[in-house]
C-alpha atoms as a PDB file:
ATOM      1  CA  MET A   1     -34.454  -0.951 -11.671  1.00  0.00           C
ATOM      2  CA  TRP A   2     -35.026  -0.239  -8.016  1.00  0.00           C
ATOM      3  CA  PRO A   3     -33.083   2.722  -6.595  1.00  0.00           C
ATOM      4  CA  PRO A   4     -30.292   1.794  -4.162  1.00  0.00           C
ATOM      5  CA  PRO A   5     -31.258   1.905  -0.488  1.00  0.00           C
ATOM      6  CA  ARG A   6     -30.652   5.240   1.154  1.00  0.00           C
ATOM      7  CA  VAL A   7     -27.681   5.236   3.493  1.00  0.00           C
ATOM      8  CA  ILE A   8     -28.624   6.676   6.864  1.00  0.00           C
ATOM      9  CA  GLN A   9     -25.903   8.985   8.111  1.00  0.00           C
ATOM     10  CA  GLN A  10     -25.208   8.290  11.731  1.00  0.00           C
ATOM     11  CA  GLN A  11     -25.186  11.403  13.855  1.00  0.00           C
ATOM     12  CA  ILE A  12     -23.496  11.945  17.157  1.00  0.00           C
ATOM     13  CA  PRO A  13     -24.109  14.935  19.419  1.00  0.00           C
ATOM     14  CA  LYS A  14     -21.422  17.575  19.602  1.00  0.00           C
ATOM     15  CA  PRO A  15     -19.911  17.803  23.073  1.00  0.00           C
ATOM     16  CA  ALA A  16     -21.033  20.839  25.028  1.00  0.00           C
ATOM     17  CA  TRP A  17     -17.749  21.731  26.678  1.00  0.00           C
ATOM     18  CA  VAL A  18     -18.105  22.786  30.307  1.00  0.00           C
ATOM     19  CA  ILE A  19     -14.930  24.318  31.717  1.00  0.00           C
ATOM     20  CA  ARG A  20     -14.968  24.693  35.486  1.00  0.00           C
ATOM     21  CA  ASN A  21     -14.194  28.081  36.988  1.00  0.00           C
ATOM     22  CA  LYS A  22     -11.213  26.783  38.957  1.00  0.00           C
ATOM     23  CA  VAL A  23      -9.692  25.440  35.729  1.00  0.00           C
ATOM     24  CA  LEU A  24     -10.230  28.778  33.980  1.00  0.00           C
ATOM     25  CA  ALA A  25      -8.590  30.540  36.936  1.00  0.00           C
ATOM     26  CA  LEU A  26      -5.598  28.188  36.748  1.00  0.00           C
ATOM     27  CA  ILE A  27      -5.219  28.814  33.004  1.00  0.00           C
ATOM     28  CA  VAL A  28      -5.323  32.587  33.493  1.00  0.00           C
ATOM     29  CA  LEU A  29      -2.724  32.326  36.269  1.00  0.00           C
ATOM     30  CA  LEU A  30      -0.393  30.223  34.108  1.00  0.00           C
ATOM     31  CA  LEU A  31      -0.736  32.611  31.164  1.00  0.00           C
ATOM     32  CA  THR A  32       0.167  35.618  33.300  1.00  0.00           C
ATOM     33  CA  LEU A  33       3.072  33.829  35.007  1.00  0.00           C
ATOM     34  CA  PRO A  34       5.680  34.503  32.243  1.00  0.00           C
ATOM     35  CA  PHE A  35       4.827  38.205  32.327  1.00  0.00           C
ATOM     36  CA  LEU A  36       5.115  38.300  36.125  1.00  0.00           C
ATOM     37  CA  VAL A  37       8.473  36.486  36.048  1.00  0.00           C
ATOM     38  CA  SER A  38       9.791  38.765  33.308  1.00  0.00           C
ATOM     39  CA  SER A  39       8.567  41.837  35.147  1.00  0.00           C
ATOM     40  CA  TYR A  40      10.211  40.660  38.375  1.00  0.00           C
ATOM     41  CA  LEU A  41      13.550  39.811  36.740  1.00  0.00           C
ATOM     42  CA  TYR A  42      13.877  42.714  34.332  1.00  0.00           C
ATOM     43  CA  LYS A  43      11.578  45.381  35.849  1.00  0.00           C
ATOM     44  CA  VAL A  44       9.750  45.642  32.518  1.00  0.00           C
ATOM     45  CA  LEU A  45       6.133  44.548  32.029  1.00  0.00           C
ATOM     46  CA  SER A  46       5.967  44.465  28.219  1.00  0.00           C
ATOM     47  CA  PRO A  47       8.037  41.648  26.653  1.00  0.00           C
ATOM     48  CA  PHE A  48       8.548  43.794  23.549  1.00  0.00           C
ATOM     49  CA  ALA A  49      10.458  46.310  25.656  1.00  0.00           C
ATOM     50  CA  LEU A  50      13.039  43.627  26.497  1.00  0.00           C
ATOM     51  CA  ASN A  51      16.305  43.394  24.612  1.00  0.00           C
ATOM     52  CA  SER A  52      16.952  40.429  22.313  1.00  0.00           C
ATOM     53  CA  GLN A  53      18.710  38.225  24.879  1.00  0.00           C
ATOM     54  CA  ARG A  54      16.068  38.763  27.537  1.00  0.00           C
ATOM     55  CA  PHE A  55      13.220  38.050  25.110  1.00  0.00           C
ATOM     56  CA  LEU A  56      14.879  34.710  24.381  1.00  0.00           C
ATOM     57  CA  VAL A  57      14.315  33.888  28.074  1.00  0.00           C
ATOM     58  CA  PHE A  58      10.730  35.154  28.090  1.00  0.00           C
ATOM     59  CA  PHE A  59       9.649  33.323  24.926  1.00  0.00           C
ATOM     60  CA  PRO A  60      10.234  29.732  26.198  1.00  0.00           C
ATOM     61  CA  LEU A  61       8.448  30.627  29.446  1.00  0.00           C
ATOM     62  CA  LEU A  62       5.430  31.817  27.472  1.00  0.00           C
ATOM     63  CA  ALA A  63       5.544  28.752  25.208  1.00  0.00           C
ATOM     64  CA  ILE A  64       5.718  26.314  28.135  1.00  0.00           C
ATOM     65  CA  SER A  65       2.858  28.089  29.920  1.00  0.00           C
ATOM     66  CA  CYS A  66       0.662  27.956  26.811  1.00  0.00           C
ATOM     67  CA  ILE A  67       1.418  24.265  26.225  1.00  0.00           C
ATOM     68  CA  ILE A  68       0.571  23.416  29.847  1.00  0.00           C
ATOM     69  CA  CYS A  69      -2.672  25.401  29.561  1.00  0.00           C
ATOM     70  CA  PHE A  70      -3.551  23.577  26.341  1.00  0.00           C
ATOM     71  CA  VAL A  71      -2.997  20.181  28.004  1.00  0.00           C
ATOM     72  CA  ILE A  72      -5.101  21.204  31.024  1.00  0.00           C
ATOM     73  CA  LEU A  73      -7.901  22.403  28.747  1.00  0.00           C
ATOM     74  CA  GLN A  74      -7.873  19.161  26.736  1.00  0.00           C
ATOM     75  CA  GLN A  75      -7.991  17.082  29.912  1.00  0.00           C
ATOM     76  CA  GLU A  76     -10.898  19.189  31.142  1.00  0.00           C
ATOM     77  CA  LYS A  77     -12.715  18.560  27.859  1.00  0.00           C
ATOM     78  CA  SER A  78     -12.246  14.818  28.374  1.00  0.00           C
ATOM     79  CA  ARG A  79     -14.659  15.059  31.328  1.00  0.00           C
ATOM     80  CA  THR A  80     -17.398  15.807  28.793  1.00  0.00           C
ATOM     81  CA  LEU A  81     -16.012  13.528  26.092  1.00  0.00           C
ATOM     82  CA  ASN A  82     -15.660  10.346  28.165  1.00  0.00           C
ATOM     83  CA  PRO A  83     -19.413   9.871  28.879  1.00  0.00           C
ATOM     84  CA  LEU A  84     -20.102  10.244  25.147  1.00  0.00           C
ATOM     85  CA  VAL A  85     -17.521   7.563  24.369  1.00  0.00           C
ATOM     86  CA  ALA A  86     -19.080   5.238  26.946  1.00  0.00           C
ATOM     87  CA  ALA A  87     -22.576   5.886  25.582  1.00  0.00           C
ATOM     88  CA  HIS A  88     -21.615   5.118  21.973  1.00  0.00           C
ATOM     89  CA  TYR A  89     -19.229   2.237  22.631  1.00  0.00           C
ATOM     90  CA  PRO A  90     -20.675  -0.872  20.936  1.00  0.00           C
ATOM     91  CA  SER A  91     -20.913  -3.634  23.525  1.00  0.00           C
ATOM     92  CA  ASN A  92     -20.898  -6.280  20.782  1.00  0.00           C
ATOM     93  CA  ALA A  93     -17.728  -5.033  19.056  1.00  0.00           C
ATOM     94  CA  THR A  94     -15.201  -7.755  18.271  1.00  0.00           C
ATOM     95  CA  ILE A  95     -11.517  -7.622  19.121  1.00  0.00           C
ATOM     96  CA  PHE A  96     -10.745  -7.106  15.433  1.00  0.00           C
ATOM     97  CA  GLN A  97     -13.073  -4.094  15.151  1.00  0.00           C
ATOM     98  CA  ILE A  98     -11.610  -2.567  18.307  1.00  0.00           C
ATOM     99  CA  THR A  99      -8.058  -3.190  17.071  1.00  0.00           C
ATOM    100  CA  ARG A 100      -8.830  -1.495  13.752  1.00  0.00           C
ATOM    101  CA  PHE A 101     -10.162   1.542  15.626  1.00  0.00           C
ATOM    102  CA  LEU A 102      -7.250   1.748  18.082  1.00  0.00           C
ATOM    103  CA  HIS A 103      -4.281   0.658  15.969  1.00  0.00           C
ATOM    104  CA  GLY A 104      -5.389   0.812  12.348  1.00  0.00           C
ATOM    105  CA  LYS A 105      -6.395  -1.477   9.513  1.00  0.00           C
ATOM    106  CA  GLU A 106      -3.084  -3.306   9.131  1.00  0.00           C
ATOM    107  CA  ARG A 107      -2.844  -4.402  12.762  1.00  0.00           C
ATOM    108  CA  ALA A 108      -6.447  -5.677  12.679  1.00  0.00           C
ATOM    109  CA  ILE A 109      -5.806  -7.730   9.523  1.00  0.00           C
ATOM    110  CA  GLN A 110      -2.640  -9.197  11.022  1.00  0.00           C
ATOM    111  CA  ALA A 111      -4.480 -10.132  14.215  1.00  0.00           C
ATOM    112  CA  ALA A 112      -7.174 -11.851  12.136  1.00  0.00           C
ATOM    113  CA  ILE A 113      -4.502 -13.774  10.200  1.00  0.00           C
ATOM    114  CA  ILE A 114      -2.858 -14.897  13.458  1.00  0.00           C
ATOM    115  CA  ASP A 115      -6.258 -16.096  14.663  1.00  0.00           C
ATOM    116  CA  LEU A 116      -6.673 -18.168  11.470  1.00  0.00           C
ATOM    117  CA  LEU A 117      -3.149 -19.558  11.851  1.00  0.00           C
ATOM    118  CA  ARG A 118      -3.771 -20.531  15.471  1.00  0.00           C
ATOM    119  CA  ARG A 119      -6.970 -22.314  14.374  1.00  0.00           C
ATOM    120  CA  GLU A 120      -5.007 -24.016  11.548  1.00  0.00           C
ATOM    121  CA  LEU A 121      -7.328 -22.565   8.919  1.00  0.00           C
ATOM    122  CA  LEU A 122      -4.227 -21.002   7.397  1.00  0.00           C
ATOM    123  CA  VAL A 123      -0.772 -22.587   7.333  1.00  0.00           C
ATOM    124  CA  LEU A 124       2.372 -20.602   6.597  1.00  0.00           C
ATOM    125  CA  THR A 125       4.374 -22.223   3.786  1.00  0.00           C
ATOM    126  CA  THR A 126       8.134 -22.145   3.245  1.00  0.00           C
ATOM    127  CA  ASP A 127       7.726 -19.724   0.339  1.00  0.00           C
ATOM    128  CA  ARG A 128       5.883 -17.212   2.556  1.00  0.00           C
ATOM    129  CA  PHE A 129       2.377 -17.963   1.292  1.00  0.00           C
ATOM    130  CA  PHE A 130      -0.642 -19.083   3.293  1.00  0.00           C
ATOM    131  CA  LEU A 131      -2.141 -22.510   2.633  1.00  0.00           C
ATOM    132  CA  VAL A 132      -5.947 -22.383   2.893  1.00  0.00           C
ATOM    133  CA  ASN A 133      -7.444 -25.204   5.000  1.00  0.00           C
ATOM    134  CA  LYS A 134     -11.198 -24.808   4.535  1.00  0.00           C
ATOM    135  CA  HIS A 135     -11.884 -28.405   5.556  1.00  0.00           C
ATOM    136  CA  ARG A 136     -10.668 -27.704   9.108  1.00  0.00           C
ATOM    137  CA  TYR A 137     -13.300 -25.053   9.730  1.00  0.00           C
ATOM    138  CA  ILE A 138     -15.752 -25.800  12.523  1.00  0.00           C
ATOM    139  CA  LYS A 139     -18.322 -23.076  12.946  1.00  0.00           C
ATOM    140  CA  PRO A 140     -18.309 -21.681  16.494  1.00  0.00           C
ATOM    141  CA  VAL A 141     -21.358 -20.341  18.302  1.00  0.00           C
ATOM    142  CA  LYS A 142     -20.326 -16.836  17.240  1.00  0.00           C
ATOM    143  CA  GLU A 143     -17.723 -16.244  14.551  1.00  0.00           C
ATOM    144  CA  LEU A 144     -15.678 -13.125  15.320  1.00  0.00           C
ATOM    145  CA  ASN A 145     -13.020 -13.233  12.619  1.00  0.00           C
ATOM    146  CA  PRO A 146     -14.045 -11.047   9.644  1.00  0.00           C
ATOM    147  CA  LEU A 147     -11.799 -12.985   7.242  1.00  0.00           C
ATOM    148  CA  VAL A 148     -13.422 -16.404   7.733  1.00  0.00           C
ATOM    149  CA  GLU A 149     -16.227 -15.763   5.246  1.00  0.00           C
ATOM    150  CA  PHE A 150     -13.715 -14.979   2.511  1.00  0.00           C
ATOM    151  CA  LEU A 151     -11.417 -17.831   3.471  1.00  0.00           C
ATOM    152  CA  LEU A 152     -14.337 -20.228   2.884  1.00  0.00           C
ATOM    153  CA  LYS A 153     -15.060 -18.617  -0.499  1.00  0.00           C
ATOM    154  CA  GLU A 154     -11.421 -18.626  -1.610  1.00  0.00           C
ATOM    155  CA  GLU A 155     -10.856 -20.733  -4.738  1.00  0.00           C
ATOM    156  CA  ARG A 156      -7.063 -20.756  -4.515  1.00  0.00           C
ATOM    157  CA  SER A 157      -5.243 -23.296  -2.397  1.00  0.00           C
ATOM    158  CA  CYS A 158      -2.569 -20.743  -1.406  1.00  0.00           C
ATOM    159  CA  VAL A 159      -2.894 -17.000  -0.979  1.00  0.00           C
ATOM    160  CA  SER A 160      -0.419 -14.198  -0.407  1.00  0.00           C
ATOM    161  CA  TYR A 161      -0.492 -11.672   2.403  1.00  0.00           C
ATOM    162  CA  GLU A 162      -1.249  -8.994  -0.178  1.00  0.00           C
ATOM    163  CA  ARG A 163      -4.352 -10.849  -1.401  1.00  0.00           C
ATOM    164  CA  ILE A 164      -5.671 -11.117   2.145  1.00  0.00           C
ATOM    165  CA  VAL A 165      -5.102  -7.396   2.709  1.00  0.00           C
ATOM    166  CA  TYR A 166      -6.423  -6.037  -0.578  1.00  0.00           C
ATOM    167  CA  VAL A 167      -9.140  -8.573  -1.488  1.00  0.00           C
ATOM    168  CA  TRP A 168     -10.395 -10.370   1.605  1.00  0.00           C
ATOM    169  CA  ASP A 169     -10.230  -7.407   3.959  1.00  0.00           C
ATOM    170  CA  TYR A 170     -11.689  -4.920   1.480  1.00  0.00           C
ATOM    171  CA  GLU A 171     -14.811  -7.052   1.116  1.00  0.00           C
ATOM    172  CA  ALA A 172     -14.960  -7.920   4.810  1.00  0.00           C
ATOM    173  CA  THR A 173     -15.011  -4.322   5.997  1.00  0.00           C
ATOM    174  CA  ALA A 174     -17.072  -2.693   3.250  1.00  0.00           C
ATOM    175  CA  ASN A 175     -20.195  -2.640   5.445  1.00  0.00           C
ATOM    176  CA  ASP A 176     -18.595  -2.729   8.891  1.00  0.00           C
ATOM    177  CA  THR A 177     -20.276   0.016  10.909  1.00  0.00           C
ATOM    178  CA  ALA A 178     -19.691  -1.220  14.462  1.00  0.00           C
ATOM    179  CA  MET A 179     -17.275   1.561  15.449  1.00  0.00           C
ATOM    180  CA  ARG A 180     -18.660   4.282  13.169  1.00  0.00           C
ATOM    181  CA  ALA A 181     -20.114   6.386  15.989  1.00  0.00           C
ATOM    182  CA  LEU A 182     -16.797   6.473  17.837  1.00  0.00           C
ATOM    183  CA  LYS A 183     -14.959   7.300  14.612  1.00  0.00           C
ATOM    184  CA  LEU A 184     -17.284  10.261  14.067  1.00  0.00           C
ATOM    185  CA  LEU A 185     -16.685  11.374  17.637  1.00  0.00           C
ATOM    186  CA  ALA A 186     -12.906  10.996  17.382  1.00  0.00           C
ATOM    187  CA  ASN A 187     -12.582  12.673  13.980  1.00  0.00           C
ATOM    188  CA  HIS A 188     -14.966  15.576  14.542  1.00  0.00           C
ATOM    189  CA  LYS A 189     -13.253  18.782  13.461  1.00  0.00           C
ATOM    190  CA  GLU A 190     -13.499  21.948  15.499  1.00  0.00           C
ATOM    191  CA  PRO A 191     -12.596  25.337  14.008  1.00  0.00           C
ATOM    192  CA  PHE A 192      -8.813  25.720  13.984  1.00  0.00           C
ATOM    193  CA  LEU A 193      -8.709  28.868  16.117  1.00  0.00           C
ATOM    194  CA  LYS A 194     -11.157  27.439  18.633  1.00  0.00           C
ATOM    195  CA  ARG A 195      -9.076  24.308  19.047  1.00  0.00           C
ATOM    196  CA  TYR A 196      -5.536  25.703  19.044  1.00  0.00           C
ATOM    197  CA  HIS A 197      -5.862  29.319  20.228  1.00  0.00           C
ATOM    198  CA  LEU A 198      -3.697  28.695  23.300  1.00  0.00           C
ATOM    199  CA  LEU A 199      -0.882  27.218  21.221  1.00  0.00           C
ATOM    200  CA  LEU A 200      -1.046  30.127  18.782  1.00  0.00           C
ATOM    201  CA  LEU A 201      -0.313  32.763  21.437  1.00  0.00           C
ATOM    202  CA  PRO A 202       3.485  32.232  21.578  1.00  0.00           C
ATOM    203  CA  TYR A 203       3.632  32.209  17.761  1.00  0.00           C
ATOM    204  CA  LEU A 204       1.898  35.580  17.638  1.00  0.00           C
ATOM    205  CA  ALA A 205       4.367  36.960  20.180  1.00  0.00           C
ATOM    206  CA  GLY A 206       7.306  35.420  18.297  1.00  0.00           C
ATOM    207  CA  ILE A 207       6.216  36.736  14.890  1.00  0.00           C
ATOM    208  CA  ALA A 208       5.630  40.215  16.292  1.00  0.00           C
ATOM    209  CA  ARG A 209       9.100  40.124  17.841  1.00  0.00           C
ATOM    210  CA  LEU A 210      10.616  38.955  14.525  1.00  0.00           C
ATOM    211  CA  PHE A 211       9.265  42.048  12.777  1.00  0.00           C
ATOM    212  CA  LEU A 212      10.625  44.207  15.599  1.00  0.00           C
ATOM    213  CA  GLU A 213      14.071  42.604  15.302  1.00  0.00           C
ATOM    214  CA  ILE A 214      14.041  43.052  11.518  1.00  0.00           C
ATOM    215  CA  SER A 215      13.186  46.728  11.858  1.00  0.00           C
ATOM    216  CA  ASN A 216      16.057  47.137  14.330  1.00  0.00           C
ATOM    217  CA  GLY A 217      18.491  45.200  12.123  1.00  0.00           C
ATOM    218  CA  ASN A 218      19.164  42.527  14.746  1.00  0.00           C
ATOM    219  CA  LYS A 219      19.989  38.854  14.191  1.00  0.00           C
ATOM    220  CA  LEU A 220      17.069  36.421  14.145  1.00  0.00           C
ATOM    221  CA  ASP A 221      18.878  33.087  14.423  1.00  0.00           C
ATOM    222  CA  ASN A 222      18.216  32.243  18.068  1.00  0.00           C
ATOM    223  CA  LEU A 223      14.563  33.300  18.028  1.00  0.00           C
ATOM    224  CA  ILE A 224      13.899  31.289  14.863  1.00  0.00           C
ATOM    225  CA  ILE A 225      15.523  28.229  16.482  1.00  0.00           C
ATOM    226  CA  GLU A 226      13.281  28.631  19.537  1.00  0.00           C
ATOM    227  CA  MET A 227      10.198  28.951  17.327  1.00  0.00           C
ATOM    228  CA  MET A 228      11.159  25.830  15.371  1.00  0.00           C
ATOM    229  CA  ALA A 229      11.616  23.926  18.631  1.00  0.00           C
ATOM    230  CA  LEU A 230       8.159  25.133  19.644  1.00  0.00           C
ATOM    231  CA  VAL A 231       6.704  23.722  16.411  1.00  0.00           C
ATOM    232  CA  LEU A 232       8.109  20.270  17.215  1.00  0.00           C
ATOM    233  CA  ALA A 233       6.891  20.447  20.810  1.00  0.00           C
ATOM    234  CA  CYS A 234       3.397  21.485  19.711  1.00  0.00           C
ATOM    235  CA  ILE A 235       3.160  18.653  17.184  1.00  0.00           C
ATOM    236  CA  GLY A 236       4.023  16.130  19.885  1.00  0.00           C
ATOM    237  CA  VAL A 237       1.609  17.615  22.409  1.00  0.00           C
ATOM    238  CA  MET A 238      -1.239  17.863  19.885  1.00  0.00           C
ATOM    239  CA  LYS A 239      -0.824  14.197  19.043  1.00  0.00           C
ATOM    240  CA  ILE A 240      -0.785  13.089  22.682  1.00  0.00           C
ATOM    241  CA  VAL A 241      -3.838  15.076  23.827  1.00  0.00           C
ATOM    242  CA  SER A 242      -5.784  15.314  20.575  1.00  0.00           C
ATOM    243  CA  ARG A 243      -9.473  14.517  20.561  1.00  0.00           C
ATOM    244  CA  LYS A 244      -8.790  11.232  18.772  1.00  0.00           C
ATOM    245  CA  SER A 245      -6.200  10.261  21.397  1.00  0.00           C
ATOM    246  CA  LEU A 246      -8.623  11.065  24.222  1.00  0.00           C
ATOM    247  CA  VAL A 247     -11.345   8.909  22.659  1.00  0.00           C
ATOM    248  CA  LYS A 248      -8.922   6.025  22.111  1.00  0.00           C
ATOM    249  CA  ARG A 249      -7.625   6.318  25.668  1.00  0.00           C
ATOM    250  CA  LYS A 250     -11.163   5.984  27.018  1.00  0.00           C
ATOM    251  CA  VAL A 251     -11.827   2.937  24.813  1.00  0.00           C
ATOM    252  CA  LYS A 252      -8.634   1.304  26.126  1.00  0.00           C
ATOM    253  CA  GLN A 253      -9.842   1.908  29.677  1.00  0.00           C
ATOM    254  CA  MET A 254     -13.214   0.342  28.880  1.00  0.00           C
ATOM    255  CA  ILE A 255     -11.765  -2.912  27.547  1.00  0.00           C
ATOM    256  CA  LYS A 256      -9.625  -3.404  30.667  1.00  0.00           C
ATOM    257  CA  THR A 257     -12.120  -5.358  32.756  1.00  0.00           C
ATOM    258  CA  PRO A 258     -11.677  -7.952  35.508  1.00  0.00           C
ATOM    259  CA  LYS A 259     -12.399 -10.697  32.951  1.00  0.00           C
ATOM    260  CA  GLY A 260      -9.243  -9.685  31.116  1.00  0.00           C
ATOM    261  CA  ILE A 261      -8.204 -11.793  28.158  1.00  0.00           C
ATOM    262  CA  ARG A 262     -11.327 -13.925  27.890  1.00  0.00           C
ATOM    263  CA  LEU A 263     -13.640 -10.950  27.397  1.00  0.00           C
ATOM    264  CA  LEU A 264     -12.575 -10.189  23.814  1.00  0.00           C
ATOM    265  CA  HIS A 265     -10.746 -13.311  22.678  1.00  0.00           C
ATOM    266  CA  GLY A 266      -9.966 -16.684  24.188  1.00  0.00           C
ATOM    267  CA  ASP A 267      -6.520 -16.970  22.578  1.00  0.00           C
ATOM    268  CA  TYR A 268      -3.862 -15.135  24.571  1.00  0.00           C
ATOM    269  CA  VAL A 269      -1.551 -14.684  21.561  1.00  0.00           C
ATOM    270  CA  VAL A 270      -4.263 -13.069  19.425  1.00  0.00           C
ATOM    271  CA  TYR A 271      -5.333 -10.819  22.303  1.00  0.00           C
ATOM    272  CA  GLU A 272      -1.773  -9.754  23.140  1.00  0.00           C
ATOM    273  CA  PHE A 273      -0.875  -9.036  19.517  1.00  0.00           C
ATOM    274  CA  ALA A 274      -4.094  -7.174  18.753  1.00  0.00           C
ATOM    275  CA  LEU A 275      -4.274  -4.874  21.747  1.00  0.00           C
ATOM    276  CA  LYS A 276      -0.884  -4.833  23.460  1.00  0.00           C
ATOM    277  CA  ARG A 277       2.467  -5.901  21.991  1.00  0.00           C
ATOM    278  CA  LYS A 278       3.068  -6.840  18.360  1.00  0.00           C
ATOM    279  CA  GLU A 279       6.370  -8.505  19.324  1.00  0.00           C
ATOM    280  CA  VAL A 280       4.507 -11.336  21.087  1.00  0.00           C
ATOM    281  CA  ILE A 281       4.275 -13.402  17.874  1.00  0.00           C
ATOM    282  CA  GLU A 282       8.062 -13.750  17.651  1.00  0.00           C
ATOM    283  CA  ARG A 283       7.964 -16.171  20.603  1.00  0.00           C
ATOM    284  CA  TYR A 284       5.839 -18.714  18.757  1.00  0.00           C
ATOM    285  CA  ALA A 285       6.272 -21.120  15.828  1.00  0.00           C
ATOM    286  CA  ASP A 286       6.823 -19.293  12.521  1.00  0.00           C
ATOM    287  CA  GLY A 287       6.581 -16.032  14.440  1.00  0.00           C
ATOM    288  CA  ILE A 288       9.820 -14.547  13.091  1.00  0.00           C
ATOM    289  CA  VAL A 289       8.856 -15.314   9.475  1.00  0.00           C
ATOM    290  CA  LEU A 290       5.377 -13.964  10.111  1.00  0.00           C
ATOM    291  CA  ALA A 291       6.782 -10.783  11.655  1.00  0.00           C
ATOM    292  CA  ASP A 292       8.907 -10.325   8.536  1.00  0.00           C
ATOM    293  CA  ILE A 293       5.866 -10.773   6.260  1.00  0.00           C
ATOM    294  CA  PHE A 294       3.962  -8.259   8.354  1.00  0.00           C
ATOM    295  CA  GLY A 295       6.903  -5.846   8.226  1.00  0.00           C
ATOM    296  CA  LEU A 296       7.318  -5.795  12.007  1.00  0.00           C
ATOM    297  CA  GLY A 297      11.047  -6.448  12.151  1.00  0.00           C
ATOM    298  CA  PRO A 298      13.739  -3.801  12.699  1.00  0.00           C
ATOM    299  CA  VAL A 299      14.059  -1.345   9.823  1.00  0.00           C
ATOM    300  CA  ALA A 300      17.696  -2.370   9.198  1.00  0.00           C
ATOM    301  CA  ASP A 301      16.664  -6.035   8.900  1.00  0.00           C
ATOM    302  CA  ARG A 302      13.874  -5.210   6.469  1.00  0.00           C
ATOM    303  CA  ILE A 303      16.227  -3.163   4.285  1.00  0.00           C
ATOM    304  CA  SER A 304      18.887  -5.890   4.284  1.00  0.00           C
ATOM    305  CA  ASN A 305      16.292  -8.551   3.439  1.00  0.00           C
ATOM    306  CA  ALA A 306      14.983  -6.448   0.559  1.00  0.00           C
ATOM    307  CA  ILE A 307      18.525  -5.993  -0.802  1.00  0.00           C
ATOM    308  CA  TRP A 308      19.238  -9.722  -0.457  1.00  0.00           C
ATOM    309  CA  LEU A 309      16.037 -10.655  -2.326  1.00  0.00           C
ATOM    310  CA  PHE A 310      16.912  -8.166  -5.077  1.00  0.00           C
ATOM    311  CA  LEU A 311      20.414  -9.640  -5.456  1.00  0.00           C
ATOM    312  CA  GLU A 312      19.031 -13.180  -5.532  1.00  0.00           C
ATOM    313  CA  ALA A 313      16.613 -12.185  -8.291  1.00  0.00           C
ATOM    314  CA  ALA A 314      19.484 -10.518 -10.178  1.00  0.00           C
ATOM    315  CA  LYS A 315      21.413 -13.783 -10.548  1.00  0.00           C
ATOM    316  CA  GLU A 316      19.486 -14.790 -13.663  1.00  0.00           C
ATOM    317  CA  ASP A 317      18.861 -11.308 -15.073  1.00  0.00           C
ATOM    318  CA  GLU A 318      21.238 -10.512 -17.945  1.00  0.00           C
ATOM    319  CA  ASP A 319      20.133  -6.874 -18.183  1.00  0.00           C
ATOM    320  CA  ILE A 320      21.574  -5.994 -14.779  1.00  0.00           C
ATOM    321  CA  PRO A 321      25.196  -4.721 -15.113  1.00  0.00           C
ATOM    322  CA  PHE A 322      26.562  -6.866 -12.257  1.00  0.00           C
ATOM    323  CA  SER A 323      26.544 -10.478 -11.129  1.00  0.00           C
ATOM    324  CA  TRP A 324      25.962 -11.922  -7.647  1.00  0.00           C
ATOM    325  CA  ASP A 325      27.383 -15.261  -6.530  1.00  0.00           C
ATOM    326  CA  GLY A 326      25.831 -15.252  -3.071  1.00  0.00           C
ATOM    327  CA  SER A 327      28.695 -13.474  -1.322  1.00  0.00           C
ATOM    328  CA  THR A 328      30.223 -10.831  -3.616  1.00  0.00           C
ATOM    329  CA  ILE A 329      29.090  -8.444  -6.340  1.00  0.00           C
ATOM    330  CA  LYS A 330      31.041  -8.404  -9.620  1.00  0.00           C
ATOM    331  CA  TRP A 331      30.532  -5.835 -12.349  1.00  0.00           C
ATOM    332  CA  LYS A 332      30.063  -7.319 -15.811  1.00  0.00           C
END
């Protein structure tokens, strides 16, 4: 038996961050600003010499300064990151590959299904299945939809959404490497301290102050609340300006060209759904049912639909301790 072919691991150069001197000077100024303000207001340079109430004023100032510095530093890093994204962006990537990279697997599958529906290769049935119309397939000059190959191989006349997701898509994307370089670039992990050292500064000050308050027998409630608020703020900021977000933002800029819609896909509905607004399908035939199958409706509607389906199924089930007549529940 021949050995399996060796998989070549794609490498991508690590960005050599270059931080300009004026940016470093701005960061230093912002970091010293809380100390200068505290010193001016309270005539005390060290924040640990402040009483409890005054430290509660200093701490948010320090936290805000550190968050702003972190955002500035991430934006400065994007100056180095953006050329790498442009260099490794695959010019032949399809709209479905780009959608998977930007918005995830599920959105890409749904966009591919909408494309098949618009081409009448799939037809949505009244019982929420998809009728397979292989005979309607006319091969284009370049087939972009990754699900077409598996639609043509499908032996069943009707398929469920789950089968498309877990069978068709699994096989379709097993060897899809178009966006691998950008994924490596977006998901590259830097050492924790190197990445988040600016955000850790207020935590160090807060923890040190907590020990000081404990030793003095003071209450910790307000400081703990401020530190918890800082955790939430940091999570939001890290998500917005993370390396992955910066890479995705650059990709979004690159696909916005003067050619617009026609560059990636000729069908406006598929393009809009894939890269802009999922709600666009609700304007078209079967769109509301399709949105429900995709799980795009309001959470309250999805919960109520699930309860209604459960109650409908319970009509014929003798093991369930209640009956349902379509309007009221009666205990047996």
